[in-house]
C-alpha atoms as a PDB file:
ATOM      1  CA  UNK A   1      -0.023   0.049  -0.005  1.00  0.00           C
ATOM      2  CA  UNK A   2       2.837   2.390   0.874  1.00  0.00           C
ATOM      3  CA  UNK A   3       4.405   1.729  -2.466  1.00  0.00           C
ATOM      4  CA  UNK A   4       1.177   2.508  -4.262  1.00  0.00           C
ATOM      5  CA  UNK A   5       0.832   5.783  -2.381  1.00  0.00           C
ATOM      6  CA  UNK A   6       4.364   6.865  -3.429  1.00  0.00           C
ATOM      7  CA  UNK A   7       3.678   5.977  -7.153  1.00  0.00           C
ATOM      8  CA  UNK A   8       0.482   7.956  -6.987  1.00  0.00           C
ATOM      9  CA  UNK A   9       2.254  11.033  -5.417  1.00  0.00           C
ATOM     10  CA  UNK A  10       5.017  10.851  -8.111  1.00  0.00           C
ATOM     11  CA  UNK A  11       2.498  10.588 -10.952  1.00  0.00           C
ATOM     12  CA  UNK A  12       0.599  13.580  -9.483  1.00  0.00           C
ATOM     13  CA  UNK A  13       3.829  15.496  -9.196  1.00  0.00           C
ATOM     14  CA  UNK A  14       4.799  14.768 -12.864  1.00  0.00           C
ATOM     15  CA  UNK A  15       1.184  15.563 -14.124  1.00  0.00           C
ATOM     16  CA  UNK A  16       1.235  19.057 -12.337  1.00  0.00           C
ATOM     17  CA  UNK A  17       4.893  19.783 -13.476  1.00  0.00           C
ATOM     18  CA  UNK A  18       4.391  18.877 -17.214  1.00  0.00           C
ATOM     19  CA  UNK A  19       2.789  22.167 -18.358  1.00  0.00           C
ATOM     20  CA  UNK A  20       5.771  24.318 -17.441  1.00  0.00           C
ATOM     21  CA  UNK A  21       8.239  21.622 -18.553  1.00  0.00           C
ATOM     22  CA  UNK A  22       6.646  21.545 -21.988  1.00  0.00           C
ATOM     23  CA  UNK A  23       6.612  25.311 -22.355  1.00  0.00           C
ATOM     24  CA  UNK A  24       9.920  26.246 -20.696  1.00  0.00           C
ATOM     25  CA  UNK A  25      12.116  23.132 -20.720  1.00  0.00           C
ATOM     26  CA  UNK A  26      14.063  21.602 -17.955  1.00  0.00           C
ATOM     27  CA  UNK A  27      17.379  23.372 -18.771  1.00  0.00           C
ATOM     28  CA  UNK A  28      15.922  26.795 -17.961  1.00  0.00           C
ATOM     29  CA  UNK A  29      15.478  25.841 -14.315  1.00  0.00           C
ATOM     30  CA  UNK A  30      19.251  25.819 -13.988  1.00  0.00           C
ATOM     31  CA  UNK A  31      20.173  28.489 -16.442  1.00  0.00           C
ATOM     32  CA  UNK A  32      17.898  31.460 -16.015  1.00  0.00           C
ATOM     33  CA  UNK A  33      19.223  34.639 -14.397  1.00  0.00           C
ATOM     34  CA  UNK A  34      17.041  34.437 -11.225  1.00  0.00           C
ATOM     35  CA  UNK A  35      13.804  33.080  -9.790  1.00  0.00           C
ATOM     36  CA  UNK A  36      11.105  35.462 -10.714  1.00  0.00           C
ATOM     37  CA  UNK A  37       8.169  33.365 -12.190  1.00  0.00           C
ATOM     38  CA  UNK A  38       6.033  36.366 -12.924  1.00  0.00           C
ATOM     39  CA  UNK A  39       8.750  37.543 -15.188  1.00  0.00           C
ATOM     40  CA  UNK A  40       9.142  34.111 -16.686  1.00  0.00           C
ATOM     41  CA  UNK A  41      12.457  33.440 -14.905  1.00  0.00           C
ATOM     42  CA  UNK A  42      12.710  29.970 -13.131  1.00  0.00           C
ATOM     43  CA  UNK A  43      16.191  29.476 -11.802  1.00  0.00           C
ATOM     44  CA  UNK A  44      16.302  26.905  -8.988  1.00  0.00           C
ATOM     45  CA  UNK A  45      19.981  26.881  -8.539  1.00  0.00           C
ATOM     46  CA  UNK A  46      20.258  29.336  -5.585  1.00  0.00           C
ATOM     47  CA  UNK A  47      17.553  27.440  -3.690  1.00  0.00           C
ATOM     48  CA  UNK A  48      19.179  24.109  -4.616  1.00  0.00           C
ATOM     49  CA  UNK A  49      22.435  25.244  -3.270  1.00  0.00           C
ATOM     50  CA  UNK A  50      20.848  26.575  -0.100  1.00  0.00           C
ATOM     51  CA  UNK A  51      19.168  23.221   0.539  1.00  0.00           C
ATOM     52  CA  UNK A  52      22.375  21.355   0.000  1.00  0.00           C
ATOM     53  CA  UNK A  53      24.390  23.691   2.178  1.00  0.00           C
ATOM     54  CA  UNK A  54      21.865  23.683   5.083  1.00  0.00           C
ATOM     55  CA  UNK A  55      21.563  19.875   4.813  1.00  0.00           C
ATOM     56  CA  UNK A  56      25.261  19.163   4.565  1.00  0.00           C
ATOM     57  CA  UNK A  57      26.011  21.513   7.527  1.00  0.00           C
ATOM     58  CA  UNK A  58      23.479  19.953   9.657  1.00  0.00           C
ATOM     59  CA  UNK A  59      24.525  16.429   8.918  1.00  0.00           C
ATOM     60  CA  UNK A  60      28.181  17.373   9.606  1.00  0.00           C
ATOM     61  CA  UNK A  61      27.238  18.797  13.004  1.00  0.00           C
ATOM     62  CA  UNK A  62      24.630  16.067  14.019  1.00  0.00           C
ATOM     63  CA  UNK A  63      26.392  12.920  12.761  1.00  0.00           C
ATOM     64  CA  UNK A  64      29.371  13.007  15.248  1.00  0.00           C
ATOM     65  CA  UNK A  65      27.077  14.238  18.135  1.00  0.00           C
ATOM     66  CA  UNK A  66      24.459  11.439  17.502  1.00  0.00           C
ATOM     67  CA  UNK A  67      27.091   8.559  16.910  1.00  0.00           C
ATOM     68  CA  UNK A  68      29.222   9.584  19.979  1.00  0.00           C
ATOM     69  CA  UNK A  69      26.089   9.999  22.180  1.00  0.00           C
ATOM     70  CA  UNK A  70      25.052   6.518  21.264  1.00  0.00           C
ATOM     71  CA  UNK A  71      28.718   5.283  22.132  1.00  0.00           C
ATOM     72  CA  UNK A  72      28.445   7.039  25.419  1.00  0.00           C
ATOM     73  CA  UNK A  73      25.060   5.327  26.271  1.00  0.00           C
ATOM     74  CA  UNK A  74      26.329   1.933  25.307  1.00  0.00           C
ATOM     75  CA  UNK A  75      29.858   1.830  26.637  1.00  0.00           C
ATOM     76  CA  UNK A  76      30.480   4.696  28.982  1.00  0.00           C
ATOM     77  CA  UNK A  77      27.371   5.839  30.925  1.00  0.00           C
ATOM     78  CA  UNK A  78      25.944   4.006  34.042  1.00  0.00           C
ATOM     79  CA  UNK A  79      22.727   2.221  33.151  1.00  0.00           C
ATOM     80  CA  UNK A  80      20.488   4.755  34.976  1.00  0.00           C
ATOM     81  CA  UNK A  81      22.043   7.794  33.183  1.00  0.00           C
ATOM     82  CA  UNK A  82      21.975   6.000  29.777  1.00  0.00           C
ATOM     83  CA  UNK A  83      18.311   5.112  30.259  1.00  0.00           C
ATOM     84  CA  UNK A  84      17.442   8.765  31.123  1.00  0.00           C
ATOM     85  CA  UNK A  85      19.578  10.024  28.244  1.00  0.00           C
ATOM     86  CA  UNK A  86      17.695   7.806  25.832  1.00  0.00           C
ATOM     87  CA  UNK A  87      14.360   9.071  27.077  1.00  0.00           C
ATOM     88  CA  UNK A  88      15.535  12.601  26.588  1.00  0.00           C
ATOM     89  CA  UNK A  89      16.519  11.894  23.017  1.00  0.00           C
ATOM     90  CA  UNK A  90      13.240  10.147  22.238  1.00  0.00           C
ATOM     91  CA  UNK A  91      11.379  13.242  23.602  1.00  0.00           C
ATOM     92  CA  UNK A  92      13.565  15.460  21.583  1.00  0.00           C
ATOM     93  CA  UNK A  93      12.465  13.476  18.355  1.00  0.00           C
ATOM     94  CA  UNK A  94       8.739  14.138  19.280  1.00  0.00           C
ATOM     95  CA  UNK A  95       8.939  17.923  19.366  1.00  0.00           C
ATOM     96  CA  UNK A  96       7.046  19.477  16.448  1.00  0.00           C
ATOM     97  CA  UNK A  97       9.050  21.406  13.706  1.00  0.00           C
ATOM     98  CA  UNK A  98       7.216  24.567  14.280  1.00  0.00           C
ATOM     99  CA  UNK A  99       8.363  24.520  18.013  1.00  0.00           C
ATOM    100  CA  UNK A 100      11.955  24.162  16.932  1.00  0.00           C
ATOM    101  CA  UNK A 101      11.465  26.996  14.416  1.00  0.00           C
ATOM    102  CA  UNK A 102       9.851  29.284  16.937  1.00  0.00           C
ATOM    103  CA  UNK A 103      12.674  28.594  19.434  1.00  0.00           C
ATOM    104  CA  UNK A 104      15.190  29.404  16.700  1.00  0.00           C
ATOM    105  CA  UNK A 105      13.445  32.588  15.800  1.00  0.00           C
ATOM    106  CA  UNK A 106      13.175  34.126  19.202  1.00  0.00           C
ATOM    107  CA  UNK A 107      16.436  32.693  20.761  1.00  0.00           C
ATOM    108  CA  UNK A 108      18.842  31.600  18.167  1.00  0.00           C
ATOM    109  CA  UNK A 109      18.301  34.214  15.382  1.00  0.00           C
ATOM    110  CA  UNK A 110      18.944  37.228  17.834  1.00  0.00           C
ATOM    111  CA  UNK A 111      22.045  35.492  19.196  1.00  0.00           C
ATOM    112  CA  UNK A 112      23.524  35.098  15.655  1.00  0.00           C
ATOM    113  CA  UNK A 113      22.288  38.684  14.807  1.00  0.00           C
ATOM    114  CA  UNK A 114      24.348  40.034  17.786  1.00  0.00           C
ATOM    115  CA  UNK A 115      27.444  38.606  16.156  1.00  0.00           C
ATOM    116  CA  UNK A 116      26.598  39.516  12.555  1.00  0.00           C
ATOM    117  CA  UNK A 117      23.269  40.782  11.326  1.00  0.00           C
ATOM    118  CA  UNK A 118      20.666  39.976  10.214  1.00  0.00           C
ATOM    119  CA  UNK A 119      20.576  36.699  12.288  1.00  0.00           C
ATOM    120  CA  UNK A 120      18.320  34.935   9.895  1.00  0.00           C
ATOM    121  CA  UNK A 121      20.938  32.962   8.038  1.00  0.00           C
ATOM    122  CA  UNK A 122      22.412  29.743   6.782  1.00  0.00           C
ATOM    123  CA  UNK A 123      24.070  29.190  10.261  1.00  0.00           C
ATOM    124  CA  UNK A 124      20.697  29.527  11.996  1.00  0.00           C
ATOM    125  CA  UNK A 125      19.258  26.938   9.625  1.00  0.00           C
ATOM    126  CA  UNK A 126      22.120  24.458  10.063  1.00  0.00           C
ATOM    127  CA  UNK A 127      21.839  24.842  13.953  1.00  0.00           C
ATOM    128  CA  UNK A 128      18.148  24.149  13.959  1.00  0.00           C
ATOM    129  CA  UNK A 129      18.283  21.240  11.463  1.00  0.00           C
ATOM    130  CA  UNK A 130      21.187  19.669  13.284  1.00  0.00           C
ATOM    131  CA  UNK A 131      19.099  19.739  16.407  1.00  0.00           C
ATOM    132  CA  UNK A 132      16.171  18.171  14.627  1.00  0.00           C
ATOM    133  CA  UNK A 133      17.867  15.266  12.975  1.00  0.00           C
ATOM    134  CA  UNK A 134      20.212  14.512  15.808  1.00  0.00           C
ATOM    135  CA  UNK A 135      17.640  12.113  17.579  1.00  0.00           C
ATOM    136  CA  UNK A 136      17.192  10.239  14.272  1.00  0.00           C
ATOM    137  CA  UNK A 137      20.859   9.678  13.920  1.00  0.00           C
ATOM    138  CA  UNK A 138      21.510   9.035  17.713  1.00  0.00           C
ATOM    139  CA  UNK A 139      18.657   6.485  18.157  1.00  0.00           C
ATOM    140  CA  UNK A 140      19.656   4.633  14.981  1.00  0.00           C
ATOM    141  CA  UNK A 141      23.191   4.548  16.036  1.00  0.00           C
ATOM    142  CA  UNK A 142      22.204   3.261  19.436  1.00  0.00           C
ATOM    143  CA  UNK A 143      20.079   0.457  17.910  1.00  0.00           C
ATOM    144  CA  UNK A 144      22.995  -0.543  15.594  1.00  0.00           C
ATOM    145  CA  UNK A 145      25.461  -0.617  18.470  1.00  0.00           C
ATOM    146  CA  UNK A 146      23.148  -2.778  20.491  1.00  0.00           C
ATOM    147  CA  UNK A 147      23.182  -5.421  17.821  1.00  0.00           C
ATOM    148  CA  UNK A 148      27.075  -5.749  17.847  1.00  0.00           C
ATOM    149  CA  UNK A 149      27.597  -9.426  18.945  1.00  0.00           C
ATOM    150  CA  UNK A 150      28.875  -9.798  22.611  1.00  0.00           C
ATOM    151  CA  UNK A 151      31.536 -12.184  21.209  1.00  0.00           C
ATOM    152  CA  UNK A 152      33.158  -9.330  19.433  1.00  0.00           C
ATOM    153  CA  UNK A 153      33.509  -7.404  22.720  1.00  0.00           C
ATOM    154  CA  UNK A 154      34.768 -10.344  24.645  1.00  0.00           C
ATOM    155  CA  UNK A 155      37.386 -11.005  21.981  1.00  0.00           C
ATOM    156  CA  UNK A 156      38.601  -7.460  22.100  1.00  0.00           C
ATOM    157  CA  UNK A 157      38.826  -7.598  25.843  1.00  0.00           C
ATOM    158  CA  UNK A 158      40.777 -10.910  25.515  1.00  0.00           C
ATOM    159  CA  UNK A 159      43.228  -9.132  23.241  1.00  0.00           C
ATOM    160  CA  UNK A 160      43.634  -6.297  25.889  1.00  0.00           C
ATOM    161  CA  UNK A 161      42.097  -3.608  23.820  1.00  0.00           C
ATOM    162  CA  UNK A 162      41.022  -0.417  25.712  1.00  0.00           C
ATOM    163  CA  UNK A 163      37.319   0.597  25.789  1.00  0.00           C
ATOM    164  CA  UNK A 164      37.927   3.257  23.148  1.00  0.00           C
ATOM    165  CA  UNK A 165      40.189   0.992  21.125  1.00  0.00           C
ATOM    166  CA  UNK A 166      37.258  -1.635  21.127  1.00  0.00           C
ATOM    167  CA  UNK A 167      34.796   1.018  19.878  1.00  0.00           C
ATOM    168  CA  UNK A 168      36.991   2.363  17.239  1.00  0.00           C
ATOM    169  CA  UNK A 169      38.494  -0.948  16.016  1.00  0.00           C
ATOM    170  CA  UNK A 170      35.703  -3.498  16.567  1.00  0.00           C
ATOM    171  CA  UNK A 171      32.352  -1.714  17.219  1.00  0.00           C
ATOM    172  CA  UNK A 172      32.429   0.859  14.374  1.00  0.00           C
ATOM    173  CA  UNK A 173      33.365  -1.507  11.619  1.00  0.00           C
ATOM    174  CA  UNK A 174      30.683  -4.123  12.940  1.00  0.00           C
ATOM    175  CA  UNK A 175      27.956  -1.629  13.015  1.00  0.00           C
ATOM    176  CA  UNK A 176      28.895   0.522  10.009  1.00  0.00           C
ATOM    177  CA  UNK A 177      25.810  -0.416   7.887  1.00  0.00           C
ATOM    178  CA  UNK A 178      23.427   0.752  10.685  1.00  0.00           C
ATOM    179  CA  UNK A 179      25.450   3.987  11.307  1.00  0.00           C
ATOM    180  CA  UNK A 180      25.351   4.808   7.500  1.00  0.00           C
ATOM    181  CA  UNK A 181      21.610   4.133   7.424  1.00  0.00           C
ATOM    182  CA  UNK A 182      21.043   6.568  10.244  1.00  0.00           C
ATOM    183  CA  UNK A 183      22.989   9.229   8.483  1.00  0.00           C
ATOM    184  CA  UNK A 184      20.960   8.715   5.306  1.00  0.00           C
ATOM    185  CA  UNK A 185      17.595   8.865   7.234  1.00  0.00           C
ATOM    186  CA  UNK A 186      18.725  12.091   9.064  1.00  0.00           C
ATOM    187  CA  UNK A 187      19.841  13.583   5.767  1.00  0.00           C
ATOM    188  CA  UNK A 188      16.366  12.708   4.256  1.00  0.00           C
ATOM    189  CA  UNK A 189      14.668  14.464   7.094  1.00  0.00           C
ATOM    190  CA  UNK A 190      16.971  17.490   6.874  1.00  0.00           C
ATOM    191  CA  UNK A 191      16.222  17.916   3.060  1.00  0.00           C
ATOM    192  CA  UNK A 192      12.566  17.578   3.534  1.00  0.00           C
ATOM    193  CA  UNK A 193      12.215  20.000   6.528  1.00  0.00           C
ATOM    194  CA  UNK A 194      10.185  23.026   5.842  1.00  0.00           C
ATOM    195  CA  UNK A 195       8.663  25.047   8.607  1.00  0.00           C
ATOM    196  CA  UNK A 196      11.705  25.444  10.956  1.00  0.00           C
ATOM    197  CA  UNK A 197      13.985  26.312   8.018  1.00  0.00           C
ATOM    198  CA  UNK A 198      11.357  28.841   6.674  1.00  0.00           C
ATOM    199  CA  UNK A 199      11.318  30.610  10.027  1.00  0.00           C
ATOM    200  CA  UNK A 200      14.981  30.993  10.678  1.00  0.00           C
ATOM    201  CA  UNK A 201      16.833  31.197   7.239  1.00  0.00           C
ATOM    202  CA  UNK A 202      15.532  34.668   5.942  1.00  0.00           C
ATOM    203  CA  UNK A 203      14.023  33.418   2.739  1.00  0.00           C
ATOM    204  CA  UNK A 204      16.165  35.462   0.296  1.00  0.00           C
ATOM    205  CA  UNK A 205      16.639  33.713  -3.067  1.00  0.00           C
ATOM    206  CA  UNK A 206      20.375  33.802  -3.314  1.00  0.00           C
ATOM    207  CA  UNK A 207      23.424  31.403  -3.048  1.00  0.00           C
ATOM    208  CA  UNK A 208      24.784  32.015   0.352  1.00  0.00           C
ATOM    209  CA  UNK A 209      28.439  33.018   0.326  1.00  0.00           C
ATOM    210  CA  UNK A 210      28.843  32.824   4.033  1.00  0.00           C
ATOM    211  CA  UNK A 211      27.232  31.197   7.123  1.00  0.00           C
ATOM    212  CA  UNK A 212      25.728  34.547   8.066  1.00  0.00           C
ATOM    213  CA  UNK A 213      23.863  35.280   4.802  1.00  0.00           C
ATOM    214  CA  UNK A 214      20.096  34.608   4.467  1.00  0.00           C
ATOM    215  CA  UNK A 215      18.989  32.036   2.043  1.00  0.00           C
ATOM    216  CA  UNK A 216      15.885  30.006   0.809  1.00  0.00           C
ATOM    217  CA  UNK A 217      15.507  26.294   0.399  1.00  0.00           C
ATOM    218  CA  UNK A 218      13.271  24.476  -2.118  1.00  0.00           C
ATOM    219  CA  UNK A 219      10.876  23.328   0.479  1.00  0.00           C
ATOM    220  CA  UNK A 220      10.601  26.736   2.137  1.00  0.00           C
ATOM    221  CA  UNK A 221       9.887  28.243  -1.504  1.00  0.00           C
ATOM    222  CA  UNK A 222       7.091  25.809  -2.105  1.00  0.00           C
ATOM    223  CA  UNK A 223       5.556  26.680   1.313  1.00  0.00           C
ATOM    224  CA  UNK A 224       5.842  30.516   0.726  1.00  0.00           C
ATOM    225  CA  UNK A 225       4.501  30.627  -2.803  1.00  0.00           C
ATOM    226  CA  UNK A 226       2.124  27.854  -3.285  1.00  0.00           C
ATOM    227  CA  UNK A 227      -0.878  29.730  -1.871  1.00  0.00           C
ATOM    228  CA  UNK A 228      -0.828  32.431  -4.533  1.00  0.00           C
ATOM    229  CA  UNK A 229       0.867  30.724  -7.490  1.00  0.00           C
ATOM    230  CA  UNK A 230      -0.995  30.274 -10.678  1.00  0.00           C
ATOM    231  CA  UNK A 231      -0.237  28.971 -14.169  1.00  0.00           C
ATOM    232  CA  UNK A 232       3.522  28.285 -15.021  1.00  0.00           C
ATOM    233  CA  UNK A 233       4.354  29.641 -11.584  1.00  0.00           C
ATOM    234  CA  UNK A 234       2.397  27.067  -9.876  1.00  0.00           C
ATOM    235  CA  UNK A 235       3.698  24.261 -12.180  1.00  0.00           C
ATOM    236  CA  UNK A 236       7.325  25.388 -11.477  1.00  0.00           C
ATOM    237  CA  UNK A 237       6.758  24.694  -7.902  1.00  0.00           C
ATOM    238  CA  UNK A 238       5.658  21.102  -8.653  1.00  0.00           C
ATOM    239  CA  UNK A 239       8.944  20.892 -10.655  1.00  0.00           C
ATOM    240  CA  UNK A 240      10.786  21.785  -7.479  1.00  0.00           C
ATOM    241  CA  UNK A 241       8.772  19.148  -5.570  1.00  0.00           C
ATOM    242  CA  UNK A 242       9.447  16.572  -8.110  1.00  0.00           C
ATOM    243  CA  UNK A 243      13.236  17.411  -7.782  1.00  0.00           C
ATOM    244  CA  UNK A 244      13.037  16.956  -3.969  1.00  0.00           C
ATOM    245  CA  UNK A 245      11.133  13.672  -4.556  1.00  0.00           C
ATOM    246  CA  UNK A 246      14.083  12.368  -6.701  1.00  0.00           C
ATOM    247  CA  UNK A 247      16.540  13.323  -4.035  1.00  0.00           C
ATOM    248  CA  UNK A 248      14.629  11.574  -1.430  1.00  0.00           C
ATOM    249  CA  UNK A 249      13.958   8.460  -3.349  1.00  0.00           C
ATOM    250  CA  UNK A 250      17.709   8.181  -4.066  1.00  0.00           C
ATOM    251  CA  UNK A 251      18.467   8.554  -0.438  1.00  0.00           C
ATOM    252  CA  UNK A 252      15.869   5.845   0.551  1.00  0.00           C
ATOM    253  CA  UNK A 253      17.247   3.563  -2.219  1.00  0.00           C
ATOM    254  CA  UNK A 254      20.706   4.023  -0.681  1.00  0.00           C
ATOM    255  CA  UNK A 255      19.352   3.355   2.720  1.00  0.00           C
ATOM    256  CA  UNK A 256      17.743   0.065   1.522  1.00  0.00           C
ATOM    257  CA  UNK A 257      20.984  -1.095  -0.167  1.00  0.00           C
ATOM    258  CA  UNK A 258      22.965  -0.555   2.819  1.00  0.00           C
ATOM    259  CA  UNK A 259      20.362  -2.000   5.343  1.00  0.00           C
ATOM    260  CA  UNK A 260      20.036  -5.148   3.202  1.00  0.00           C
ATOM    261  CA  UNK A 261      23.812  -5.678   3.252  1.00  0.00           C
ATOM    262  CA  UNK A 262      25.560  -7.495   5.910  1.00  0.00           C
ATOM    263  CA  UNK A 263      25.800  -5.558   9.060  1.00  0.00           C
ATOM    264  CA  UNK A 264      28.655  -7.320  10.486  1.00  0.00           C
ATOM    265  CA  UNK A 265      31.602  -8.039   8.074  1.00  0.00           C
END
């Protein structure tokens, strides 16, 4: 059933995107001077770069924090602290996106603005997204580390490896498939996030040249303009949705390939 729903959504996106693709053509979405659909300009490149930058930055921040928090819970923390920490991470995963965005808007943006105005920026988006995808990466990593066979740990102890030596030389290689899957799932959430990014990134259609410049993602562009878009403008927004769909499908396919492989090699 889930597969049928995905196919229907894809067919709908293609159907709605076809009018502008037939009239304008796909190359212009990457070659036009700017994004001004009213003036027949449809350049996605600044928003695509903004999406990639904010996603990559969030993953680079959240991945080590999530993985090492799972290592802490599994191999360093006392059971009581580890259990409490896991509950807190699960609670973090359940907070709605708009709450993250609101917190970022009233706390994080003014803080960044005090360093370098305007505050709404790529850096704010990276910080908020990193906080949002951290639970996904941490919980997936924790589950992967739990599945490492106890025999591996006993063998490492018999060889006289330190705790960190065991984690680095035995646990990480054994659980690498699960760790990579968590990264891919976190990346997928970061790419698809809309509300929080819309609230803190400034929504200026430009390729950010520094962490402190405002920018706009493809998802935020859809949310901002779909309510009043008509004609080719509306159809172009469906093209951006189709582009996001292709990216997400590629990530899910990669996650499936990794998860179906051998976890312990």
